[in-house]
Amino acid sequence: MGDTDFDDEETGRIPVAKLILGLRAQGIRDARVLKAIETVPRALFVEETYSDLAYADRSLPIDCGQTISQPFVVAYMTELLRLGDRDKVLEIGTGSGYQAAVLAKLCRRVYTIERYRTLHRQAETRFKELGIANITAMVGDGIKGWPAQAPFDKIIVTAAAETVPPDLVDQLKEGGIMILPVGPVGGVQVLRRIVRTEAGVEDTELLGVRFVPLVPGKAAQL
């Protein structure tokens, strides 16, 4: 997946309309997903240092050694979830809060878990600034999921697990979909779609990706 930069000659910034055109060109077709990407202000979720690149199709650094995902990856993973407006969604890895804000436009409620307190606080502040009322966030161990709120219609994991976490599979409803990257740090990672069925699970490999690792437990300090 290559990065696609669209520069405004006068300001050096990347207009959101050009980002949307780029996502369409890369195969994103769901109009609801494109609208969510268009209307959630990614500039609010990136560090001020990178504000000129807020609408570039590339990942960017955030606090705690993490990243805000490339918009194409956000759009692609979101489209794969096939979200309905009554869905209850679990997100593992709140990060900047951008992915959760996009999900919140498309479903009934988002539950999101972050291991870093700093990122959790920053994301909550952004949700409040945007008036997003259907996101519930907590600091916790994402590998264990959120048993008290299970089962979920959909689960999205925004960090790479070495194997598919069984606790998350258990927290999917029958017919539910989980999208997650799987693979070792520095090695080959593949985006996978897990569908829970009456007979077990269907596991489909989709796309090569690169994510920060999914680390167990809460961060000790940050």
C-alpha atoms as a PDB file:
ATOM      1  CA  MET A   1       0.000   0.000   0.000  1.00  0.00           C
ATOM      2  CA  GLY A   2       1.674   3.205  -1.061  1.00  0.00           C
ATOM      3  CA  ASP A   3       1.056   6.646   0.328  1.00  0.00           C
ATOM      4  CA  THR A   4      -0.663   9.127  -1.977  1.00  0.00           C
ATOM      5  CA  ASP A   5      -0.015  12.800  -1.276  1.00  0.00           C
ATOM      6  CA  PHE A   6      -2.190  15.509  -2.818  1.00  0.00           C
ATOM      7  CA  ASP A   7      -0.702  18.981  -2.287  1.00  0.00           C
ATOM      8  CA  ASP A   8      -2.535  22.284  -2.496  1.00  0.00           C
ATOM      9  CA  GLU A   9      -0.096  24.498  -4.423  1.00  0.00           C
ATOM     10  CA  GLU A  10      -1.047  27.625  -2.507  1.00  0.00           C
ATOM     11  CA  THR A  11      -1.116  26.326   1.080  1.00  0.00           C
ATOM     12  CA  GLY A  12       0.863  23.082   0.974  1.00  0.00           C
ATOM     13  CA  ARG A  13      -2.096  21.349   2.614  1.00  0.00           C
ATOM     14  CA  ILE A  14      -4.002  18.353   1.329  1.00  0.00           C
ATOM     15  CA  PRO A  15      -7.701  19.105   0.710  1.00  0.00           C
ATOM     16  CA  VAL A  16     -10.108  16.506   2.067  1.00  0.00           C
ATOM     17  CA  ALA A  17     -11.935  16.360  -1.285  1.00  0.00           C
ATOM     18  CA  LYS A  18      -8.754  15.127  -2.972  1.00  0.00           C
ATOM     19  CA  LEU A  19      -8.329  12.520  -0.240  1.00  0.00           C
ATOM     20  CA  ILE A  20     -11.838  11.221  -0.933  1.00  0.00           C
ATOM     21  CA  LEU A  21     -11.103  11.058  -4.671  1.00  0.00           C
ATOM     22  CA  GLY A  22      -7.950   9.113  -3.879  1.00  0.00           C
ATOM     23  CA  LEU A  23      -9.859   6.640  -1.713  1.00  0.00           C
ATOM     24  CA  ARG A  24     -12.377   6.106  -4.488  1.00  0.00           C
ATOM     25  CA  ALA A  25      -9.541   5.489  -6.930  1.00  0.00           C
ATOM     26  CA  GLN A  26      -8.153   2.823  -4.550  1.00  0.00           C
ATOM     27  CA  GLY A  27     -11.472   0.964  -4.552  1.00  0.00           C
ATOM     28  CA  ILE A  28     -13.400   2.317  -1.561  1.00  0.00           C
ATOM     29  CA  ARG A  29     -17.023   2.267  -2.716  1.00  0.00           C
ATOM     30  CA  ASP A  30     -19.242   2.468   0.388  1.00  0.00           C
ATOM     31  CA  ALA A  31     -20.790   5.942   0.257  1.00  0.00           C
ATOM     32  CA  ARG A  32     -21.451   5.952   4.021  1.00  0.00           C
ATOM     33  CA  VAL A  33     -17.815   5.197   4.780  1.00  0.00           C
ATOM     34  CA  LEU A  34     -16.593   7.887   2.386  1.00  0.00           C
ATOM     35  CA  LYS A  35     -18.990  10.397   3.946  1.00  0.00           C
ATOM     36  CA  ALA A  36     -17.726   9.546   7.427  1.00  0.00           C
ATOM     37  CA  ILE A  37     -14.113  10.013   6.323  1.00  0.00           C
ATOM     38  CA  GLU A  38     -15.060  13.299   4.696  1.00  0.00           C
ATOM     39  CA  THR A  39     -16.897  14.694   7.722  1.00  0.00           C
ATOM     40  CA  VAL A  40     -14.623  13.582  10.584  1.00  0.00           C
ATOM     41  CA  PRO A  41     -11.905  16.274  10.798  1.00  0.00           C
ATOM     42  CA  ARG A  42      -8.695  14.226  10.750  1.00  0.00           C
ATOM     43  CA  ALA A  43      -6.776  17.451  11.406  1.00  0.00           C
ATOM     44  CA  LEU A  44      -8.119  17.387  14.976  1.00  0.00           C
ATOM     45  CA  PHE A  45      -6.560  13.947  15.540  1.00  0.00           C
ATOM     46  CA  VAL A  46      -3.004  14.593  14.312  1.00  0.00           C
ATOM     47  CA  GLU A  47      -0.148  16.367  16.064  1.00  0.00           C
ATOM     48  CA  GLU A  48       0.176  20.064  15.222  1.00  0.00           C
ATOM     49  CA  THR A  49       3.615  19.360  13.707  1.00  0.00           C
ATOM     50  CA  TYR A  50       1.906  17.269  11.027  1.00  0.00           C
ATOM     51  CA  SER A  51      -1.168  19.449  10.456  1.00  0.00           C
ATOM     52  CA  ASP A  52      -0.213  20.088   6.827  1.00  0.00           C
ATOM     53  CA  LEU A  53      -0.375  16.320   6.257  1.00  0.00           C
ATOM     54  CA  ALA A  54      -3.687  15.757   8.039  1.00  0.00           C
ATOM     55  CA  TYR A  55      -5.440  14.726   4.810  1.00  0.00           C
ATOM     56  CA  ALA A  56      -2.516  12.947   3.182  1.00  0.00           C
ATOM     57  CA  ASP A  57      -3.117   9.249   2.653  1.00  0.00           C
ATOM     58  CA  ARG A  58      -0.403   8.194   5.065  1.00  0.00           C
ATOM     59  CA  SER A  59       0.033   7.159   8.675  1.00  0.00           C
ATOM     60  CA  LEU A  60       1.471   9.752  11.064  1.00  0.00           C
ATOM     61  CA  PRO A  61       3.175   9.566  14.484  1.00  0.00           C
ATOM     62  CA  ILE A  62       1.193  10.301  17.651  1.00  0.00           C
ATOM     63  CA  ASP A  63       2.139  10.185  21.331  1.00  0.00           C
ATOM     64  CA  CYS A  64       3.371   7.048  23.131  1.00  0.00           C
ATOM     65  CA  GLY A  65       5.198   5.754  20.060  1.00  0.00           C
ATOM     66  CA  GLN A  66       1.935   4.971  18.255  1.00  0.00           C
ATOM     67  CA  THR A  67       0.484   6.093  14.925  1.00  0.00           C
ATOM     68  CA  ILE A  68      -2.738   7.348  13.390  1.00  0.00           C
ATOM     69  CA  SER A  69      -3.516   4.947  10.557  1.00  0.00           C
ATOM     70  CA  GLN A  70      -3.420   5.774   6.868  1.00  0.00           C
ATOM     71  CA  PRO A  71      -6.897   6.948   5.744  1.00  0.00           C
ATOM     72  CA  PHE A  72      -7.082   4.185   3.133  1.00  0.00           C
ATOM     73  CA  VAL A  73      -6.547   1.560   5.833  1.00  0.00           C
ATOM     74  CA  VAL A  74      -9.192   3.205   8.042  1.00  0.00           C
ATOM     75  CA  ALA A  75     -11.660   3.288   5.150  1.00  0.00           C
ATOM     76  CA  TYR A  76     -10.848  -0.257   3.989  1.00  0.00           C
ATOM     77  CA  MET A  77     -11.176  -1.834   7.435  1.00  0.00           C
ATOM     78  CA  THR A  78     -14.353   0.128   8.139  1.00  0.00           C
ATOM     79  CA  GLU A  79     -15.903  -0.924   4.830  1.00  0.00           C
ATOM     80  CA  LEU A  80     -15.096  -4.581   5.576  1.00  0.00           C
ATOM     81  CA  LEU A  81     -17.065  -4.405   8.831  1.00  0.00           C
ATOM     82  CA  ARG A  82     -20.323  -3.856   6.882  1.00  0.00           C
ATOM     83  CA  LEU A  83     -21.658  -1.659   9.653  1.00  0.00           C
ATOM     84  CA  GLY A  84     -25.344  -1.197  10.311  1.00  0.00           C
ATOM     85  CA  ASP A  85     -26.777   1.745  12.198  1.00  0.00           C
ATOM     86  CA  ARG A  86     -27.887  -0.555  15.058  1.00  0.00           C
ATOM     87  CA  ASP A  87     -24.523  -2.286  15.485  1.00  0.00           C
ATOM     88  CA  LYS A  88     -22.549  -2.335  18.729  1.00  0.00           C
ATOM     89  CA  VAL A  89     -18.840  -2.201  17.887  1.00  0.00           C
ATOM     90  CA  LEU A  90     -15.707  -2.925  19.909  1.00  0.00           C
ATOM     91  CA  GLU A  91     -12.469  -1.204  18.911  1.00  0.00           C
ATOM     92  CA  ILE A  92      -9.142  -2.398  20.290  1.00  0.00           C
ATOM     93  CA  GLY A  93      -6.573   0.411  20.261  1.00  0.00           C
ATOM     94  CA  THR A  94      -8.178   3.847  20.560  1.00  0.00           C
ATOM     95  CA  GLY A  95      -4.979   5.678  19.647  1.00  0.00           C
ATOM     96  CA  SER A  96      -5.789   9.221  18.551  1.00  0.00           C
ATOM     97  CA  GLY A  97      -9.509   8.398  18.493  1.00  0.00           C
ATOM     98  CA  TYR A  98      -9.850   8.917  14.746  1.00  0.00           C
ATOM     99  CA  GLN A  99     -10.992   5.404  13.841  1.00  0.00           C
ATOM    100  CA  ALA A 100     -13.541   5.439  16.682  1.00  0.00           C
ATOM    101  CA  ALA A 101     -14.913   8.782  15.484  1.00  0.00           C
ATOM    102  CA  VAL A 102     -15.388   7.360  11.985  1.00  0.00           C
ATOM    103  CA  LEU A 103     -17.103   4.257  13.367  1.00  0.00           C
ATOM    104  CA  ALA A 104     -19.396   6.410  15.520  1.00  0.00           C
ATOM    105  CA  LYS A 105     -20.869   7.944  12.362  1.00  0.00           C
ATOM    106  CA  LEU A 106     -21.929   4.511  11.132  1.00  0.00           C
ATOM    107  CA  CYS A 107     -23.206   2.489  14.092  1.00  0.00           C
ATOM    108  CA  ARG A 108     -25.231   2.706  17.309  1.00  0.00           C
ATOM    109  CA  ARG A 109     -22.380   2.601  19.824  1.00  0.00           C
ATOM    110  CA  VAL A 110     -18.605   2.195  19.890  1.00  0.00           C
ATOM    111  CA  TYR A 111     -16.713   0.729  22.845  1.00  0.00           C
ATOM    112  CA  THR A 112     -13.002   1.454  22.555  1.00  0.00           C
ATOM    113  CA  ILE A 113     -10.043   0.278  24.666  1.00  0.00           C
ATOM    114  CA  GLU A 114      -6.629   1.930  24.923  1.00  0.00           C
ATOM    115  CA  ARG A 115      -3.657   0.741  26.992  1.00  0.00           C
ATOM    116  CA  TYR A 116      -2.065   4.227  27.232  1.00  0.00           C
ATOM    117  CA  ARG A 117      -3.759   6.674  29.602  1.00  0.00           C
ATOM    118  CA  THR A 118      -2.331   9.657  27.713  1.00  0.00           C
ATOM    119  CA  LEU A 119      -3.921   8.577  24.436  1.00  0.00           C
ATOM    120  CA  HIS A 120      -7.178   7.704  26.202  1.00  0.00           C
ATOM    121  CA  ARG A 121      -7.423  11.206  27.727  1.00  0.00           C
ATOM    122  CA  GLN A 122      -6.556  12.920  24.444  1.00  0.00           C
ATOM    123  CA  ALA A 123      -9.148  10.888  22.535  1.00  0.00           C
ATOM    124  CA  GLU A 124     -11.868  11.596  25.094  1.00  0.00           C
ATOM    125  CA  THR A 125     -11.134  15.326  24.826  1.00  0.00           C
ATOM    126  CA  ARG A 126     -11.500  15.147  21.042  1.00  0.00           C
ATOM    127  CA  PHE A 127     -14.777  13.238  21.258  1.00  0.00           C
ATOM    128  CA  LYS A 128     -16.155  15.936  23.553  1.00  0.00           C
ATOM    129  CA  GLU A 129     -14.971  18.722  21.249  1.00  0.00           C
ATOM    130  CA  LEU A 130     -16.810  17.070  18.368  1.00  0.00           C
ATOM    131  CA  GLY A 131     -19.940  16.366  20.424  1.00  0.00           C
ATOM    132  CA  ILE A 132     -19.715  12.604  19.811  1.00  0.00           C
ATOM    133  CA  ALA A 133     -21.980  10.968  22.388  1.00  0.00           C
ATOM    134  CA  ASN A 134     -22.019   7.321  21.258  1.00  0.00           C
ATOM    135  CA  ILE A 135     -18.434   6.361  22.133  1.00  0.00           C
ATOM    136  CA  THR A 136     -17.537   4.738  25.465  1.00  0.00           C
ATOM    137  CA  ALA A 137     -13.790   4.579  26.091  1.00  0.00           C
ATOM    138  CA  MET A 138     -11.654   2.972  28.769  1.00  0.00           C
ATOM    139  CA  VAL A 139      -8.042   2.174  29.640  1.00  0.00           C
ATOM    140  CA  GLY A 140      -7.549  -1.575  29.613  1.00  0.00           C
ATOM    141  CA  ASP A 141      -6.057  -4.714  28.115  1.00  0.00           C
ATOM    142  CA  GLY A 142      -7.393  -4.907  24.586  1.00  0.00           C
ATOM    143  CA  ILE A 143      -6.430  -8.555  24.131  1.00  0.00           C
ATOM    144  CA  LYS A 144      -9.034  -9.439  26.766  1.00  0.00           C
ATOM    145  CA  GLY A 145     -11.728  -7.334  25.106  1.00  0.00           C
ATOM    146  CA  TRP A 146     -14.666  -5.933  27.063  1.00  0.00           C
ATOM    147  CA  PRO A 147     -16.558  -8.933  28.498  1.00  0.00           C
ATOM    148  CA  ALA A 148     -19.072  -6.811  30.418  1.00  0.00           C
ATOM    149  CA  GLN A 149     -20.390  -5.364  27.141  1.00  0.00           C
ATOM    150  CA  ALA A 150     -20.163  -8.499  25.004  1.00  0.00           C
ATOM    151  CA  PRO A 151     -21.352  -9.771  22.665  1.00  0.00           C
ATOM    152  CA  PHE A 152     -20.510  -7.330  19.871  1.00  0.00           C
ATOM    153  CA  ASP A 153     -21.841  -7.160  16.337  1.00  0.00           C
ATOM    154  CA  LYS A 154     -18.451  -6.083  15.032  1.00  0.00           C
ATOM    155  CA  ILE A 155     -14.884  -5.876  16.372  1.00  0.00           C
ATOM    156  CA  ILE A 156     -11.976  -3.938  14.866  1.00  0.00           C
ATOM    157  CA  VAL A 157      -8.383  -4.251  16.077  1.00  0.00           C
ATOM    158  CA  THR A 158      -5.965  -1.465  15.148  1.00  0.00           C
ATOM    159  CA  ALA A 159      -2.719  -3.137  16.243  1.00  0.00           C
ATOM    160  CA  ALA A 160      -1.170  -6.386  15.034  1.00  0.00           C
ATOM    161  CA  ALA A 161      -1.701  -9.519  17.112  1.00  0.00           C
ATOM    162  CA  GLU A 162       0.685 -12.441  16.665  1.00  0.00           C
ATOM    163  CA  THR A 163      -2.339 -14.759  16.603  1.00  0.00           C
ATOM    164  CA  VAL A 164      -6.078 -14.131  16.622  1.00  0.00           C
ATOM    165  CA  PRO A 165      -7.013 -13.415  20.282  1.00  0.00           C
ATOM    166  CA  PRO A 166      -9.519 -16.105  21.376  1.00  0.00           C
ATOM    167  CA  ASP A 167     -11.197 -13.799  23.926  1.00  0.00           C
ATOM    168  CA  LEU A 168     -12.153 -11.422  21.108  1.00  0.00           C
ATOM    169  CA  VAL A 169     -13.575 -14.233  18.979  1.00  0.00           C
ATOM    170  CA  ASP A 170     -15.638 -15.329  21.981  1.00  0.00           C
ATOM    171  CA  GLN A 171     -17.059 -11.801  22.294  1.00  0.00           C
ATOM    172  CA  LEU A 172     -18.415 -11.758  18.735  1.00  0.00           C
ATOM    173  CA  LYS A 173     -22.095 -12.420  18.150  1.00  0.00           C
ATOM    174  CA  GLU A 174     -22.993 -15.262  15.830  1.00  0.00           C
ATOM    175  CA  GLY A 175     -22.788 -13.692  12.397  1.00  0.00           C
ATOM    176  CA  GLY A 176     -20.483 -10.995  13.731  1.00  0.00           C
ATOM    177  CA  ILE A 177     -17.374  -9.779  11.908  1.00  0.00           C
ATOM    178  CA  MET A 178     -13.931  -9.000  13.277  1.00  0.00           C
ATOM    179  CA  ILE A 179     -11.248  -7.248  11.208  1.00  0.00           C
ATOM    180  CA  LEU A 180      -7.678  -7.341  12.520  1.00  0.00           C
ATOM    181  CA  PRO A 181      -4.042  -7.438  11.413  1.00  0.00           C
ATOM    182  CA  VAL A 182      -2.151 -10.577  12.400  1.00  0.00           C
ATOM    183  CA  GLY A 183       1.593 -11.148  12.277  1.00  0.00           C
ATOM    184  CA  PRO A 184       4.868 -10.623  14.106  1.00  0.00           C
ATOM    185  CA  VAL A 185       6.556  -7.284  14.779  1.00  0.00           C
ATOM    186  CA  GLY A 186       8.827  -6.528  11.825  1.00  0.00           C
ATOM    187  CA  GLY A 187       7.523  -9.538   9.935  1.00  0.00           C
ATOM    188  CA  VAL A 188       4.720 -10.211   7.477  1.00  0.00           C
ATOM    189  CA  GLN A 189       1.359  -8.959   8.749  1.00  0.00           C
ATOM    190  CA  VAL A 190      -1.926  -9.754   7.044  1.00  0.00           C
ATOM    191  CA  LEU A 191      -5.328  -8.166   7.517  1.00  0.00           C
ATOM    192  CA  ARG A 192      -7.835 -10.904   8.329  1.00  0.00           C
ATOM    193  CA  ARG A 193     -11.618 -11.099   8.467  1.00  0.00           C
ATOM    194  CA  ILE A 194     -13.073 -13.386  11.118  1.00  0.00           C
ATOM    195  CA  VAL A 195     -16.768 -14.253  10.865  1.00  0.00           C
ATOM    196  CA  ARG A 196     -18.334 -16.172  13.744  1.00  0.00           C
ATOM    197  CA  THR A 197     -20.757 -18.794  12.499  1.00  0.00           C
ATOM    198  CA  GLU A 198     -22.930 -21.456  14.088  1.00  0.00           C
ATOM    199  CA  ALA A 199     -20.292 -24.011  13.101  1.00  0.00           C
ATOM    200  CA  GLY A 200     -17.268 -22.039  14.309  1.00  0.00           C
ATOM    201  CA  VAL A 201     -15.354 -19.272  12.505  1.00  0.00           C
ATOM    202  CA  GLU A 202     -14.557 -18.345   8.931  1.00  0.00           C
ATOM    203  CA  ASP A 203     -11.077 -16.818   8.616  1.00  0.00           C
ATOM    204  CA  THR A 204     -10.110 -14.952   5.435  1.00  0.00           C
ATOM    205  CA  GLU A 205      -6.762 -13.337   4.617  1.00  0.00           C
ATOM    206  CA  LEU A 206      -7.185 -10.029   2.812  1.00  0.00           C
ATOM    207  CA  LEU A 207      -4.252  -7.660   2.486  1.00  0.00           C
ATOM    208  CA  GLY A 208      -0.643  -7.187   3.568  1.00  0.00           C
ATOM    209  CA  VAL A 209      -0.355  -4.391   6.146  1.00  0.00           C
ATOM    210  CA  ARG A 210       1.996  -2.922   8.737  1.00  0.00           C
ATOM    211  CA  PHE A 211       0.717  -2.022  12.208  1.00  0.00           C
ATOM    212  CA  VAL A 212       2.212  -1.362  15.624  1.00  0.00           C
ATOM    213  CA  PRO A 213       2.071  -4.496  17.830  1.00  0.00           C
ATOM    214  CA  LEU A 214      -0.893  -5.412  20.007  1.00  0.00           C
ATOM    215  CA  VAL A 215       0.649  -5.488  23.487  1.00  0.00           C
ATOM    216  CA  PRO A 216      -1.066  -7.189  26.437  1.00  0.00           C
ATOM    217  CA  GLY A 217      -1.916  -5.305  29.636  1.00  0.00           C
ATOM    218  CA  LYS A 218      -2.153  -1.617  30.486  1.00  0.00           C
ATOM    219  CA  ALA A 219       0.840   0.628  29.979  1.00  0.00           C
ATOM    220  CA  ALA A 220       2.673   1.164  33.250  1.00  0.00           C
ATOM    221  CA  GLN A 221       2.862   4.965  33.162  1.00  0.00           C
ATOM    222  CA  LEU A 222       1.959   6.766  29.936  1.00  0.00           C
END
